[in-house]
Amino acid sequence: MIDFVAALCLLAGGLFALLGAVGVLRMPDLYCRMQSTTKATTLGVGLVMIANVLERGDSGSVARGLEIIVFVYLTAPIGAHMLSRAAHRRGVRGHESTIVDDLDKEEQIS
């Protein structure tokens, strides 16, 4: 039963990683691409690590797997935010359908 759950987690993680890659190809601008890849691949890595933890089962693998999950869940969104903010400061504009640019308003105030 654990092997079946691990296989499902592994397949779901691979699917989310694939969806993140498709998001890079399909999204219209840098900011949408950053969002789709960060969210999808973060969940994909988490599910793959859960599958690894379930399959191996020893305490060392569980500790390493949880450390990797926590590290990825903390660093991926922060890194994507920093890259997006740097791109915005360099003048990279979003898609023409973008209605609200909160960062542009923030820079006008200060």
N, C-alpha and C. Protein backbone atom coordinates (compact mmCIF):
# COMPACT_ATOMS: atom_id res chain seq x y z
N MET A 1 0.82 -1.19 0.00
CA MET A 1 0.00 0.00 0.00
C MET A 1 0.87 1.27 0.00
N ILE A 2 1.96 1.24 0.78
CA ILE A 2 2.85 2.40 0.82
C ILE A 2 3.50 2.61 -0.54
N ASP A 3 3.83 1.51 -1.23
CA ASP A 3 4.42 1.64 -2.56
C ASP A 3 3.46 2.31 -3.53
N PHE A 4 2.17 1.98 -3.41
CA PHE A 4 1.16 2.58 -4.28
C PHE A 4 1.03 4.08 -4.02
N VAL A 5 1.00 4.48 -2.75
CA VAL A 5 0.91 5.90 -2.40
C VAL A 5 2.16 6.64 -2.86
N ALA A 6 3.33 6.01 -2.68
CA ALA A 6 4.58 6.63 -3.14
C ALA A 6 4.57 6.80 -4.65
N ALA A 7 4.06 5.81 -5.36
CA ALA A 7 3.98 5.91 -6.82
C ALA A 7 3.03 7.03 -7.25
N LEU A 8 1.91 7.17 -6.55
CA LEU A 8 0.97 8.26 -6.85
C LEU A 8 1.61 9.62 -6.60
N CYS A 9 2.32 9.74 -5.48
CA CYS A 9 3.01 11.01 -5.18
C CYS A 9 4.07 11.31 -6.23
N LEU A 10 4.79 10.30 -6.65
CA LEU A 10 5.83 10.49 -7.66
C LEU A 10 5.23 10.92 -8.99
N LEU A 11 4.15 10.27 -9.40
CA LEU A 11 3.48 10.65 -10.64
C LEU A 11 2.88 12.05 -10.56
N ALA A 12 2.26 12.37 -9.43
CA ALA A 12 1.68 13.71 -9.27
C ALA A 12 2.78 14.77 -9.26
N GLY A 13 3.89 14.49 -8.60
CA GLY A 13 5.01 15.42 -8.59
C GLY A 13 5.58 15.65 -9.98
N GLY A 14 5.71 14.57 -10.74
CA GLY A 14 6.17 14.70 -12.13
C GLY A 14 5.19 15.49 -12.97
N LEU A 15 3.90 15.29 -12.74
CA LEU A 15 2.88 16.04 -13.47
C LEU A 15 2.96 17.53 -13.16
N PHE A 16 3.14 17.87 -11.89
CA PHE A 16 3.27 19.29 -11.54
C PHE A 16 4.53 19.90 -12.13
N ALA A 17 5.61 19.15 -12.15
CA ALA A 17 6.84 19.66 -12.78
C ALA A 17 6.62 19.88 -14.27
N LEU A 18 5.91 18.97 -14.91
CA LEU A 18 5.58 19.12 -16.33
C LEU A 18 4.70 20.34 -16.56
N LEU A 19 3.72 20.55 -15.68
CA LEU A 19 2.86 21.73 -15.81
C LEU A 19 3.64 23.02 -15.63
N GLY A 20 4.64 23.01 -14.75
CA GLY A 20 5.50 24.17 -14.60
C GLY A 20 6.28 24.46 -15.87
N ALA A 21 6.75 23.41 -16.53
CA ALA A 21 7.47 23.59 -17.79
C ALA A 21 6.54 24.09 -18.88
N VAL A 22 5.33 23.59 -18.92
CA VAL A 22 4.35 24.07 -19.90
C VAL A 22 4.01 25.54 -19.62
N GLY A 23 3.97 25.91 -18.34
CA GLY A 23 3.71 27.30 -17.98
C GLY A 23 4.76 28.25 -18.53
N VAL A 24 6.01 27.81 -18.59
CA VAL A 24 7.07 28.64 -19.16
C VAL A 24 6.78 28.90 -20.64
N LEU A 25 6.27 27.91 -21.33
CA LEU A 25 6.02 28.05 -22.75
C LEU A 25 4.73 28.82 -23.05
N ARG A 26 3.73 28.69 -22.20
CA ARG A 26 2.41 29.22 -22.52
C ARG A 26 2.13 30.61 -21.96
N MET A 27 2.77 31.00 -20.87
CA MET A 27 2.44 32.27 -20.25
C MET A 27 3.01 33.44 -21.06
N PRO A 28 2.31 34.59 -21.05
CA PRO A 28 2.68 35.68 -21.95
C PRO A 28 3.88 36.53 -21.52
N ASP A 29 4.15 36.64 -20.23
CA ASP A 29 5.23 37.52 -19.81
C ASP A 29 6.03 36.90 -18.66
N LEU A 30 7.10 37.60 -18.29
CA LEU A 30 8.02 37.10 -17.27
C LEU A 30 7.32 36.84 -15.95
N TYR A 31 6.45 37.73 -15.54
CA TYR A 31 5.82 37.63 -14.22
C TYR A 31 4.89 36.44 -14.13
N CYS A 32 4.13 36.20 -15.15
CA CYS A 32 3.26 35.01 -15.18
C CYS A 32 4.09 33.73 -15.22
N ARG A 33 5.18 33.75 -15.96
CA ARG A 33 6.05 32.57 -16.03
C ARG A 33 6.67 32.27 -14.67
N MET A 34 7.09 33.32 -13.98
CA MET A 34 7.68 33.13 -12.65
C MET A 34 6.66 32.52 -11.70
N GLN A 35 5.43 32.99 -11.75
CA GLN A 35 4.41 32.47 -10.87
C GLN A 35 4.10 31.01 -11.17
N SER A 36 3.92 30.69 -12.43
CA SER A 36 3.53 29.32 -12.77
C SER A 36 4.65 28.33 -12.45
N THR A 37 5.88 28.70 -12.76
CA THR A 37 6.96 27.76 -12.50
C THR A 37 7.23 27.60 -11.01
N THR A 38 7.15 28.69 -10.26
CA THR A 38 7.42 28.60 -8.82
C THR A 38 6.37 27.75 -8.12
N LYS A 39 5.13 28.02 -8.38
CA LYS A 39 4.07 27.26 -7.70
C LYS A 39 4.06 25.79 -8.10
N ALA A 40 4.12 25.53 -9.39
CA ALA A 40 4.01 24.15 -9.86
C ALA A 40 5.23 23.32 -9.47
N THR A 41 6.41 23.85 -9.66
CA THR A 41 7.59 23.05 -9.37
C THR A 41 7.83 22.90 -7.87
N THR A 42 7.43 23.88 -7.07
CA THR A 42 7.55 23.74 -5.63
C THR A 42 6.68 22.57 -5.14
N LEU A 43 5.46 22.52 -5.62
CA LEU A 43 4.59 21.41 -5.25
C LEU A 43 5.10 20.09 -5.82
N GLY A 44 5.64 20.14 -7.04
CA GLY A 44 6.19 18.93 -7.65
C GLY A 44 7.36 18.37 -6.87
N VAL A 45 8.29 19.24 -6.46
CA VAL A 45 9.43 18.78 -5.67
C VAL A 45 8.97 18.23 -4.33
N GLY A 46 8.00 18.89 -3.72
CA GLY A 46 7.47 18.39 -2.45
C GLY A 46 6.87 17.00 -2.57
N LEU A 47 6.11 16.77 -3.61
CA LEU A 47 5.50 15.45 -3.80
C LEU A 47 6.53 14.38 -4.12
N VAL A 48 7.54 14.73 -4.91
CA VAL A 48 8.60 13.76 -5.21
C VAL A 48 9.37 13.41 -3.94
N MET A 49 9.63 14.39 -3.10
CA MET A 49 10.34 14.11 -1.84
C MET A 49 9.48 13.28 -0.90
N ILE A 50 8.18 13.54 -0.87
CA ILE A 50 7.29 12.70 -0.06
C ILE A 50 7.32 11.26 -0.56
N ALA A 51 7.32 11.08 -1.87
CA ALA A 51 7.42 9.73 -2.43
C ALA A 51 8.72 9.07 -2.02
N ASN A 52 9.81 9.81 -2.03
CA ASN A 52 11.11 9.28 -1.62
C ASN A 52 11.09 8.88 -0.15
N VAL A 53 10.52 9.72 0.69
CA VAL A 53 10.43 9.43 2.12
C VAL A 53 9.59 8.18 2.36
N LEU A 54 8.46 8.09 1.66
CA LEU A 54 7.60 6.92 1.84
C LEU A 54 8.28 5.64 1.37
N GLU A 55 9.02 5.72 0.29
CA GLU A 55 9.65 4.53 -0.27
C GLU A 55 10.81 4.05 0.59
N ARG A 56 11.64 4.97 1.05
CA ARG A 56 12.82 4.58 1.82
C ARG A 56 12.45 4.26 3.27
N GLY A 57 11.76 5.18 3.92
CA GLY A 57 11.19 4.91 5.23
C GLY A 57 12.11 5.02 6.43
N ASP A 58 13.42 5.07 6.26
CA ASP A 58 14.29 5.17 7.43
C ASP A 58 14.34 6.61 7.94
N SER A 59 14.75 6.77 9.18
CA SER A 59 14.68 8.09 9.83
C SER A 59 15.61 9.11 9.16
N GLY A 60 16.75 8.69 8.66
CA GLY A 60 17.65 9.61 7.98
C GLY A 60 17.04 10.17 6.71
N SER A 61 16.38 9.32 5.95
CA SER A 61 15.72 9.78 4.73
C SER A 61 14.55 10.70 5.03
N VAL A 62 13.84 10.39 6.10
CA VAL A 62 12.71 11.24 6.48
C VAL A 62 13.21 12.62 6.86
N ALA A 63 14.28 12.69 7.66
CA ALA A 63 14.83 13.98 8.08
C ALA A 63 15.34 14.77 6.89
N ARG A 64 16.09 14.13 6.00
CA ARG A 64 16.60 14.82 4.82
C ARG A 64 15.47 15.27 3.90
N GLY A 65 14.49 14.41 3.72
CA GLY A 65 13.36 14.76 2.86
C GLY A 65 12.59 15.96 3.38
N LEU A 66 12.34 15.97 4.69
CA LEU A 66 11.63 17.11 5.27
C LEU A 66 12.46 18.39 5.22
N GLU A 67 13.76 18.27 5.40
CA GLU A 67 14.64 19.44 5.29
C GLU A 67 14.60 20.00 3.87
N ILE A 68 14.63 19.13 2.88
CA ILE A 68 14.59 19.58 1.49
C ILE A 68 13.26 20.25 1.18
N ILE A 69 12.17 19.66 1.65
CA ILE A 69 10.85 20.24 1.41
C ILE A 69 10.75 21.63 2.04
N VAL A 70 11.18 21.75 3.29
CA VAL A 70 11.13 23.05 3.97
C VAL A 70 12.01 24.06 3.25
N PHE A 71 13.21 23.65 2.86
CA PHE A 71 14.13 24.55 2.15
C PHE A 71 13.52 25.05 0.85
N VAL A 72 12.97 24.14 0.06
CA VAL A 72 12.39 24.54 -1.23
C VAL A 72 11.16 25.41 -1.03
N TYR A 73 10.32 25.08 -0.04
CA TYR A 73 9.12 25.87 0.20
C TYR A 73 9.45 27.26 0.72
N LEU A 74 10.59 27.43 1.36
CA LEU A 74 10.98 28.76 1.84
C LEU A 74 11.73 29.56 0.78
N THR A 75 12.60 28.93 0.03
CA THR A 75 13.47 29.68 -0.87
C THR A 75 12.88 29.94 -2.25
N ALA A 76 12.09 29.05 -2.78
CA ALA A 76 11.56 29.23 -4.14
C ALA A 76 10.66 30.47 -4.26
N PRO A 77 9.69 30.67 -3.38
CA PRO A 77 8.87 31.88 -3.52
C PRO A 77 9.66 33.16 -3.27
N ILE A 78 10.59 33.12 -2.32
CA ILE A 78 11.39 34.32 -2.04
C ILE A 78 12.27 34.65 -3.24
N GLY A 79 12.90 33.63 -3.82
CA GLY A 79 13.73 33.85 -5.00
C GLY A 79 12.94 34.38 -6.17
N ALA A 80 11.75 33.83 -6.40
CA ALA A 80 10.91 34.29 -7.50
C ALA A 80 10.47 35.74 -7.27
N HIS A 81 10.16 36.07 -6.03
CA HIS A 81 9.76 37.43 -5.72
C HIS A 81 10.91 38.40 -5.97
N MET A 82 12.11 38.02 -5.55
CA MET A 82 13.26 38.90 -5.74
C MET A 82 13.59 39.09 -7.22
N LEU A 83 13.52 38.00 -7.99
CA LEU A 83 13.78 38.12 -9.44
C LEU A 83 12.72 38.98 -10.13
N SER A 84 11.46 38.81 -9.75
CA SER A 84 10.39 39.61 -10.35
C SER A 84 10.54 41.08 -9.99
N ARG A 85 10.88 41.35 -8.76
CA ARG A 85 11.05 42.74 -8.33
C ARG A 85 12.25 43.38 -9.05
N ALA A 86 13.33 42.64 -9.21
CA ALA A 86 14.49 43.16 -9.94
C ALA A 86 14.14 43.42 -11.40
N ALA A 87 13.37 42.52 -12.00
CA ALA A 87 12.95 42.72 -13.39
C ALA A 87 12.07 43.96 -13.51
N HIS A 88 11.19 44.16 -12.54
CA HIS A 88 10.32 45.33 -12.55
C HIS A 88 11.13 46.61 -12.42
N ARG A 89 12.12 46.61 -11.57
CA ARG A 89 12.98 47.79 -11.40
C ARG A 89 13.82 48.07 -12.64
N ARG A 90 14.14 47.02 -13.39
CA ARG A 90 14.90 47.21 -14.64
C ARG A 90 14.00 47.66 -15.80
N GLY A 91 12.70 47.68 -15.58
CA GLY A 91 11.79 48.18 -16.60
C GLY A 91 11.12 47.13 -17.44
N VAL A 92 11.20 45.88 -17.05
CA VAL A 92 10.52 44.82 -17.80
C VAL A 92 9.03 44.96 -17.54
N ARG A 93 8.28 45.19 -18.58
CA ARG A 93 6.84 45.39 -18.44
C ARG A 93 6.10 44.08 -18.61
N GLY A 94 4.93 44.04 -18.00
CA GLY A 94 4.07 42.87 -18.12
C GLY A 94 3.31 42.87 -19.42
N HIS A 95 2.46 41.90 -19.55
CA HIS A 95 1.61 41.76 -20.73
C HIS A 95 0.66 42.95 -20.82
N GLU A 96 0.22 43.29 -22.02
CA GLU A 96 -0.66 44.46 -22.18
C GLU A 96 -2.01 44.28 -21.51
N SER A 97 -2.39 43.06 -21.18
CA SER A 97 -3.66 42.85 -20.50
C SER A 97 -3.57 43.07 -18.99
N THR A 98 -2.37 43.37 -18.47
CA THR A 98 -2.22 43.65 -17.05
C THR A 98 -2.93 44.96 -16.73
N ILE A 99 -3.81 44.92 -15.76
CA ILE A 99 -4.63 46.09 -15.44
C ILE A 99 -4.00 46.91 -14.31
N VAL A 100 -3.55 46.23 -13.26
CA VAL A 100 -3.05 46.92 -12.08
C VAL A 100 -1.57 46.59 -11.89
N ASP A 101 -0.78 47.61 -11.63
CA ASP A 101 0.63 47.43 -11.33
C ASP A 101 0.90 48.08 -9.97
N ASP A 102 0.75 47.32 -8.91
CA ASP A 102 0.91 47.86 -7.57
C ASP A 102 2.32 48.34 -7.28
N LEU A 103 3.32 47.71 -7.86
CA LEU A 103 4.69 48.15 -7.62
C LEU A 103 4.94 49.51 -8.26
N ASP A 104 4.34 49.79 -9.39
CA ASP A 104 4.51 51.08 -10.04
C ASP A 104 3.93 52.19 -9.16
N LYS A 105 2.79 51.94 -8.54
CA LYS A 105 2.18 52.91 -7.63
C LYS A 105 3.07 53.11 -6.41
N GLU A 106 3.67 52.05 -5.92
CA GLU A 106 4.53 52.11 -4.75
C GLU A 106 5.76 52.97 -5.01
N GLU A 107 6.34 52.87 -6.20
CA GLU A 107 7.53 53.65 -6.54
C GLU A 107 7.20 55.12 -6.75
N GLN A 108 5.99 55.44 -7.18
CA GLN A 108 5.60 56.83 -7.37
C GLN A 108 5.43 57.54 -6.03
N ILE A 109 4.99 56.81 -5.01
CA ILE A 109 4.77 57.39 -3.70
C ILE A 109 6.09 57.73 -3.03
N SER A 110 7.07 56.82 -3.11
CA SER A 110 8.33 57.07 -2.41
C SER A 110 9.32 57.84 -3.22
